[in-house]
Amino acid sequence: MRDYRRPNPTGVLVIILVNVLVFILTELKPEYDFNYFDPAAFHLALHPDTFTSQPWTLLTNCFVHHDFFHILGNMVTLYFFGTYLTMLVGEKKFLLTYFLGGLAGSAFYLIWALVLPWGDPGVRLLGASGAVYAVGGALAILQPNVRVLMFFVIPMPLWVAVIGGFVVLTLLSGSYGISWEAHLGGLLVGLAAGLYFRRRPRARDRYLL
């Protein structure tokens, strides 16, 4: 018998709150984010030239956003996807997926920027998209055919929204400065997490009404 329970999105809400507070901070003090040429600045965004001396940026970049619409899109998606994933697998597994996805996004970005010859080591990385894609990737495996409304208007299966969104943003990456590498790293972690969770179900499965 399936256990239909009200979601407890505490972890999701805490992450959203931290993102909002960091966004306000970086709006008030831009040197905490963008002025990475200033050695006196405390950097939060990830920059290939400085990440070895500022290793915290591998994670803190996931809490920094470029503008209001950047953080709005990520946080709205995180709220719905994160709440759903928490219902399915629990808060601990949601948090693990989220943070591993963020770190994988940072790693993929650095590999592209520093190792591959066509990468650009002069571009910083910021945003929660890689972590959010990890959550979406896990859901695409666990509940692929659940209907979602893309942009609150267009109905489609969840897996189409996640994979299609990745493809569209990748095609737009050159024009809008979108880091498809971070998206890919997070998405792959999410897909792997979804496969793992599906093979190791909880004693009581939780499903969204």
Protein backbone atom coordinates (compact mmCIF):
# COMPACT_ATOMS: atom_id res chain seq x y z
CA MET A 1 0.00 0.00 0.00
CA ARG A 2 1.46 3.35 -1.03
CA ASP A 3 1.86 5.98 1.64
CA TYR A 4 0.46 9.32 0.45
CA ARG A 5 1.95 11.98 2.71
CA ARG A 6 2.18 15.71 2.72
CA PRO A 7 5.66 16.80 1.60
CA ASN A 8 8.14 18.20 4.13
CA PRO A 9 10.32 20.44 1.97
CA THR A 10 12.44 21.85 4.82
CA GLY A 11 15.72 21.14 3.05
CA VAL A 12 14.43 22.65 -0.19
CA LEU A 13 13.25 25.81 1.56
CA VAL A 14 16.54 26.23 3.43
CA ILE A 15 18.51 25.99 0.18
CA ILE A 16 16.21 28.53 -1.46
CA LEU A 17 16.58 30.88 1.51
CA VAL A 18 20.37 30.65 1.40
CA ASN A 19 20.34 31.36 -2.34
CA VAL A 20 18.15 34.42 -1.83
CA LEU A 21 20.32 35.75 1.00
CA VAL A 22 23.49 35.27 -1.05
CA PHE A 23 21.85 36.99 -4.00
CA ILE A 24 20.99 39.99 -1.84
CA LEU A 25 24.53 40.02 -0.43
CA THR A 26 26.16 40.00 -3.85
CA GLU A 27 23.82 42.72 -5.05
CA LEU A 28 24.89 44.89 -2.12
CA LYS A 29 28.57 43.90 -2.36
CA PRO A 30 29.42 42.86 -5.92
CA GLU A 31 33.06 42.24 -4.99
CA TYR A 32 31.89 39.05 -3.21
CA ASP A 33 31.09 37.64 -6.60
CA PHE A 34 32.19 39.31 -9.81
CA ASN A 35 35.38 41.23 -9.03
CA TYR A 36 37.67 38.22 -9.13
CA PHE A 37 40.64 40.33 -10.23
CA ASP A 38 40.70 42.06 -6.83
CA PRO A 39 42.90 40.00 -4.46
CA ALA A 40 41.16 41.58 -1.45
CA ALA A 41 37.72 40.39 -2.55
CA PHE A 42 36.03 37.32 -1.11
CA HIS A 43 34.98 35.30 -4.12
CA LEU A 44 31.94 33.05 -4.36
CA ALA A 45 31.79 32.38 -8.11
CA LEU A 46 34.06 29.69 -9.56
CA HIS A 47 36.91 30.91 -11.74
CA PRO A 48 39.41 28.49 -13.32
CA ASP A 49 42.36 30.79 -12.62
CA THR A 50 41.72 31.02 -8.88
CA PHE A 51 39.83 27.91 -7.77
CA THR A 52 42.96 26.17 -6.39
CA SER A 53 43.48 29.02 -3.92
CA GLN A 54 39.73 29.39 -3.34
CA PRO A 55 38.47 25.78 -3.27
CA TRP A 56 35.22 26.76 -1.56
CA THR A 57 34.07 28.21 -4.88
CA LEU A 58 33.55 24.65 -6.15
CA LEU A 59 30.40 24.71 -4.01
CA THR A 60 29.64 28.37 -3.31
CA ASN A 61 29.20 29.12 -7.01
CA CYS A 62 25.98 27.08 -6.78
CA PHE A 63 24.54 29.78 -4.50
CA VAL A 64 25.45 32.79 -6.65
CA HIS A 65 23.29 34.15 -9.47
CA HIS A 66 23.78 36.74 -12.15
CA ASP A 67 20.45 38.54 -11.93
CA PHE A 68 16.88 38.30 -10.67
CA PHE A 69 15.59 36.17 -13.53
CA HIS A 70 18.51 33.77 -13.18
CA ILE A 71 17.76 33.04 -9.52
CA LEU A 72 13.99 33.10 -10.09
CA GLY A 73 14.11 30.35 -12.73
CA ASN A 74 16.42 28.16 -10.69
CA MET A 75 14.55 28.55 -7.40
CA VAL A 76 11.07 28.00 -8.84
CA THR A 77 12.29 24.82 -10.55
CA LEU A 78 14.09 23.72 -7.40
CA TYR A 79 10.98 24.20 -5.27
CA PHE A 80 8.77 21.96 -7.40
CA PHE A 81 11.36 19.35 -8.35
CA GLY A 82 13.04 19.35 -4.95
CA THR A 83 9.76 18.94 -3.05
CA TYR A 84 8.75 16.07 -5.30
CA LEU A 85 12.09 14.27 -4.99
CA THR A 86 12.02 14.70 -1.21
CA MET A 87 8.62 12.99 -1.15
CA LEU A 88 9.93 10.08 -3.18
CA VAL A 89 13.29 9.38 -1.55
CA GLY A 90 13.48 11.50 1.61
CA GLU A 91 15.32 14.66 2.54
CA LYS A 92 18.78 13.16 3.03
CA LYS A 93 18.87 11.62 -0.44
CA PHE A 94 17.51 14.81 -1.96
CA LEU A 95 20.28 16.86 -0.32
CA LEU A 96 22.92 14.34 -1.37
CA THR A 97 21.70 14.46 -4.97
CA TYR A 98 21.56 18.24 -4.97
CA PHE A 99 25.05 18.87 -3.61
CA LEU A 100 26.74 16.09 -5.58
CA GLY A 101 25.09 17.49 -8.71
CA GLY A 102 26.43 20.95 -7.93
CA LEU A 103 29.95 19.64 -7.39
CA ALA A 104 29.77 17.54 -10.56
CA GLY A 105 28.68 20.63 -12.49
CA SER A 106 31.72 22.50 -11.19
CA ALA A 107 34.01 19.59 -12.08
CA PHE A 108 32.66 19.28 -15.62
CA TYR A 109 33.04 23.01 -16.13
CA LEU A 110 36.66 22.96 -14.94
CA ILE A 111 37.53 19.98 -17.13
CA TRP A 112 36.09 21.76 -20.16
CA ALA A 113 37.80 25.06 -19.31
CA LEU A 114 41.24 23.79 -18.26
CA VAL A 115 41.82 20.40 -19.87
CA LEU A 116 40.18 20.48 -23.27
CA PRO A 117 41.88 22.67 -25.88
CA TRP A 118 38.71 24.48 -26.96
CA GLY A 119 37.68 25.49 -23.45
CA ASP A 120 37.83 29.07 -22.17
CA PRO A 121 39.57 29.37 -18.76
CA GLY A 122 38.72 33.06 -18.52
CA VAL A 123 35.00 32.62 -17.85
CA ARG A 124 33.57 32.23 -14.34
CA LEU A 125 30.82 29.83 -13.32
CA LEU A 126 27.87 30.74 -11.13
CA GLY A 127 24.35 29.46 -10.55
CA ALA A 128 22.47 26.52 -9.08
CA SER A 129 21.55 25.02 -12.45
CA GLY A 130 23.88 22.02 -12.21
CA ALA A 131 22.45 21.06 -8.81
CA VAL A 132 18.89 21.64 -10.01
CA TYR A 133 19.52 19.46 -13.06
CA ALA A 134 20.67 16.68 -10.75
CA VAL A 135 17.30 16.81 -8.99
CA GLY A 136 15.51 16.85 -12.34
CA GLY A 137 17.59 13.97 -13.65
CA ALA A 138 16.72 11.81 -10.66
CA LEU A 139 13.03 12.55 -11.15
CA ALA A 140 13.29 11.77 -14.87
CA ILE A 141 14.31 8.24 -13.90
CA LEU A 142 11.96 7.76 -10.95
CA GLN A 143 8.80 9.32 -12.41
CA PRO A 144 9.45 9.87 -16.14
CA ASN A 145 5.83 10.06 -17.29
CA VAL A 146 4.42 12.43 -14.68
CA ARG A 147 2.87 15.39 -16.51
CA VAL A 148 4.40 18.80 -15.84
CA LEU A 149 3.66 22.24 -17.23
CA MET A 150 6.70 23.71 -18.96
CA PHE A 151 6.69 27.47 -18.32
CA PHE A 152 3.40 26.79 -16.43
CA VAL A 153 1.68 26.45 -19.84
CA ILE A 154 2.94 23.56 -21.99
CA PRO A 155 2.03 20.03 -20.71
CA MET A 156 4.61 17.29 -21.26
CA PRO A 157 6.10 14.23 -19.54
CA LEU A 158 8.66 15.10 -16.89
CA TRP A 159 11.52 13.34 -18.69
CA VAL A 160 10.83 15.39 -21.84
CA ALA A 161 10.89 18.61 -19.82
CA VAL A 162 14.23 17.73 -18.20
CA ILE A 163 16.05 16.38 -21.26
CA GLY A 164 14.40 18.84 -23.65
CA GLY A 165 15.27 21.74 -21.37
CA PHE A 166 18.89 20.60 -21.33
CA VAL A 167 19.01 20.40 -25.13
CA VAL A 168 17.41 23.82 -25.60
CA LEU A 169 19.70 25.53 -23.09
CA THR A 170 22.72 23.85 -24.68
CA LEU A 171 21.74 25.22 -28.08
CA LEU A 172 21.38 28.68 -26.53
CA SER A 173 24.59 28.47 -24.51
CA GLY A 174 26.78 30.31 -27.00
CA SER A 175 24.45 33.29 -27.26
CA TYR A 176 23.49 33.68 -23.60
CA GLY A 177 26.58 32.54 -21.70
CA ILE A 178 24.90 29.38 -20.37
CA SER A 179 27.22 26.72 -18.96
CA TRP A 180 25.95 23.55 -20.59
CA GLU A 181 28.96 21.73 -19.08
CA ALA A 182 27.67 22.33 -15.54
CA HIS A 183 24.18 21.30 -16.61
CA LEU A 184 25.56 18.08 -18.07
CA GLY A 185 27.56 17.22 -14.94
CA GLY A 186 24.53 17.73 -12.72
CA LEU A 187 22.21 15.86 -15.06
CA LEU A 188 24.46 12.79 -15.22
CA VAL A 189 24.67 12.67 -11.42
CA GLY A 190 20.89 12.94 -11.22
CA LEU A 191 20.32 10.14 -13.72
CA ALA A 192 22.75 7.90 -11.84
CA ALA A 193 21.08 8.77 -8.52
CA GLY A 194 17.65 7.99 -9.96
CA LEU A 195 18.80 4.56 -11.11
CA TYR A 196 20.28 3.88 -7.67
CA PHE A 197 17.15 5.00 -5.83
CA ARG A 198 14.92 2.98 -8.14
CA ARG A 199 16.84 -0.21 -7.40
CA ARG A 200 16.83 0.47 -3.64
CA PRO A 201 13.24 1.50 -2.81
CA ARG A 202 12.28 2.86 0.58
CA ALA A 203 10.25 0.70 2.94
CA ARG A 204 7.33 3.05 2.24
CA ASP A 205 7.27 4.63 -1.19
CA ARG A 206 6.02 8.20 -1.29
CA TYR A 207 4.22 9.57 -4.30
CA LEU A 208 2.89 12.96 -5.23
CA LEU A 209 -0.92 13.25 -5.26
